Protein backbone atom coordinates (compact mmCIF):
# COMPACT_ATOMS: atom_id res chain seq x y z
CA MET A 1 0.08 0.19 0.04
CA LYS A 2 2.84 2.56 0.56
CA ARG A 3 4.35 1.70 -2.81
CA ILE A 4 1.26 2.54 -4.72
CA THR A 5 0.71 5.62 -2.66
CA ILE A 6 4.29 6.53 -2.83
CA THR A 7 3.86 6.25 -6.70
CA LEU A 8 0.57 8.14 -6.72
CA PHE A 9 2.16 11.07 -4.99
CA LEU A 10 5.55 11.15 -7.66
CA VAL A 11 2.94 10.84 -10.47
CA ALA A 12 0.42 13.85 -9.16
CA MET A 13 4.56 15.80 -8.50
CA PHE A 14 5.42 14.95 -12.17
CA ILE A 15 1.82 15.97 -13.60
CA PHE A 16 1.66 19.36 -11.55
CA TYR A 17 5.65 20.32 -11.83
CA GLY A 18 5.29 19.95 -15.64
CA SER A 19 2.17 21.55 -16.06
CA ALA A 20 3.30 24.72 -13.89
CA THR A 21 6.36 25.00 -15.77
CA SER A 22 4.74 24.66 -19.18
CA PHE A 23 2.11 27.30 -18.26
CA ALA A 24 4.95 29.85 -17.33
CA GLN A 25 3.78 33.60 -17.59
CA ARG A 26 4.54 35.62 -20.10
CA VAL A 27 4.60 39.46 -20.14
CA SER A 28 5.59 41.98 -22.99
CA VAL A 29 7.31 44.90 -23.27
CA LYS A 30 4.65 48.08 -23.88
CA VAL A 31 7.47 50.77 -24.26
CA PRO A 32 9.52 51.53 -27.14
CA GLU A 33 12.38 50.32 -25.37
CA ALA A 34 12.89 49.04 -22.25
CA ASN A 35 16.66 49.17 -19.97
CA ILE A 36 17.17 45.14 -18.65
CA ARG A 37 19.17 45.12 -15.33
CA SER A 38 20.84 42.97 -13.36
CA GLY A 39 19.16 43.47 -10.40
CA PRO A 40 15.77 44.52 -9.06
CA GLY A 41 16.29 48.09 -8.67
CA THR A 42 17.73 51.36 -10.52
CA LYS A 43 20.94 51.09 -8.81
CA TYR A 44 21.41 47.66 -10.74
CA GLU A 45 23.57 47.92 -14.13
CA ILE A 46 21.86 48.14 -17.34
CA ILE A 47 22.98 44.75 -18.65
CA TRP A 48 20.88 45.42 -22.50
CA LYS A 49 17.76 46.92 -23.90
CA ILE A 50 15.46 45.53 -25.57
CA GLU A 51 12.48 46.61 -28.13
CA LYS A 52 8.49 47.13 -27.72
CA TYR A 53 6.85 43.28 -27.68
CA HIS A 54 9.79 41.38 -26.33
CA PRO A 55 8.05 38.53 -24.60
CA LEU A 56 9.48 37.89 -21.39
CA ARG A 57 9.13 34.70 -19.12
CA VAL A 58 8.26 35.45 -15.38
CA ILE A 59 10.43 33.56 -13.26
CA LYS A 60 9.18 35.61 -10.04
CA LYS A 61 8.84 38.58 -8.93
CA LYS A 62 10.34 41.26 -5.77
CA GLY A 63 8.23 44.42 -5.22
CA GLN A 64 7.83 46.09 -8.28
CA TRP A 65 10.23 44.29 -10.36
CA ILE A 66 10.03 40.78 -12.38
CA ASN A 67 12.81 38.78 -12.81
CA PHE A 68 12.62 37.16 -15.94
CA GLU A 69 14.01 34.79 -18.76
CA ASP A 70 14.08 35.72 -22.59
CA TYR A 71 13.75 33.36 -25.66
CA GLU A 72 17.38 32.36 -25.54
CA GLY A 73 17.23 31.73 -21.82
CA ASP A 74 19.36 35.02 -20.88
CA PRO A 75 17.78 36.11 -17.36
CA GLY A 76 17.42 39.86 -16.45
CA TRP A 77 15.07 42.08 -14.25
CA ILE A 78 12.60 44.47 -15.79
CA HIS A 79 10.32 46.95 -13.29
CA THR A 80 6.61 46.43 -13.84
CA THR A 81 5.23 49.63 -14.99
CA ILE A 82 6.71 48.93 -18.69
CA VAL A 83 5.60 45.76 -19.22
CA ASN A 84 1.82 44.34 -20.19
CA ASN A 85 -0.25 41.33 -21.38
CA THR A 86 0.08 42.13 -24.79
CA PRO A 87 0.20 38.64 -26.36
CA SER A 88 3.75 38.72 -28.58
CA ILE A 89 6.03 36.28 -30.10
CA ILE A 90 9.95 36.83 -30.99
CA THR A 91 11.96 35.21 -34.25
CA ASN A 92 14.10 32.84 -33.12
CA LYS A 93 15.97 31.73 -37.09
CA ASP A 94 17.23 33.79 -39.04
CA ASN A 95 15.63 34.91 -42.82
CA CYS A 96 11.92 34.23 -41.52
CA ASN A 97 9.33 34.54 -44.35
CA ILE A 98 6.45 37.23 -43.22
CA ARG A 99 3.86 36.24 -45.90
CA SER A 100 0.59 38.20 -46.84
CA GLY A 101 -1.47 35.23 -45.53
CA PRO A 102 -1.68 32.27 -43.51
CA GLY A 103 0.28 29.58 -46.21
CA THR A 104 3.59 29.17 -48.18
CA LYS A 105 1.35 29.93 -50.96
CA HIS A 106 0.52 33.59 -49.87
CA ASP A 107 3.49 36.10 -51.24
CA ILE A 108 6.40 37.24 -48.99
CA ILE A 109 5.83 40.91 -48.05
CA PHE A 110 8.95 41.27 -45.62
CA GLY A 111 11.75 39.47 -43.98
CA SER A 112 12.62 39.11 -40.55
CA GLU A 113 15.90 38.28 -38.53
CA LYS A 114 16.31 36.52 -35.67
CA GLY A 115 15.17 38.45 -32.10
CA VAL A 116 12.71 40.47 -33.87
CA PRO A 117 9.48 40.88 -31.81
CA TYR A 118 6.00 40.82 -33.14
CA LYS A 119 2.73 41.12 -31.42
CA ILE A 120 0.20 39.01 -31.82
CA LEU A 121 -3.13 39.94 -34.01
CA LYS A 122 -4.59 36.15 -34.44
CA ARG A 123 -3.86 32.90 -35.08
CA LYS A 124 -4.92 30.42 -38.06
CA GLY A 125 -3.72 26.74 -37.47
CA ASN A 126 0.23 26.91 -37.78
CA TRP A 127 0.37 30.34 -38.56
CA ILE A 128 0.46 33.70 -36.36
CA HIS A 129 -1.04 36.89 -37.69
CA VAL A 130 1.62 39.25 -36.39
CA GLN A 131 2.53 43.19 -36.13
CA HIS A 132 5.50 45.32 -35.42
CA SER A 133 6.18 48.20 -33.41
CA ASP A 134 6.60 50.05 -36.66
CA GLY A 135 2.96 48.98 -37.96
CA ASP A 136 3.90 46.27 -40.54
CA LYS A 137 2.07 43.61 -40.41
CA GLY A 138 1.95 40.15 -41.73
CA TRP A 139 1.60 35.98 -41.44
CA ILE A 140 4.18 33.67 -39.57
CA HIS A 141 4.81 30.43 -39.20
CA LYS A 142 4.75 29.19 -35.65
CA SER A 143 7.89 26.95 -36.26
CA LEU A 144 9.83 30.39 -36.58
CA VAL A 145 8.75 31.80 -33.18
CA TRP A 146 8.99 31.57 -29.17
């Protein structure tokens, strides 16, 4: 009986942990350019800057600061007032085609390099309708983004 109870407990913990990590909260930058800091406060060094719609996976919060991980796994800190819950993606491949519609039969309207963030407008199957902060819109395949 103890073995079954322990086994069920371990299975339940695995399911809970797996679902908790797969549904981690994501936020995106809402300002044209945001400072990323090495710690939770303005006294900490600015380690890089990111642009509007850049998606971030929340690790933890400390006061008004969010500790996050980006699409490359790089950690940083950002203030809560410059992010929101706008759905966004970032290209994680070089030479991404942005198309006029959801499919490869649609024209390529522009290209995108790795690391360019976009706001999600809608989804259709494996395609995502996106908008860049400069207003350019198009469709990208989900295999090209994080």
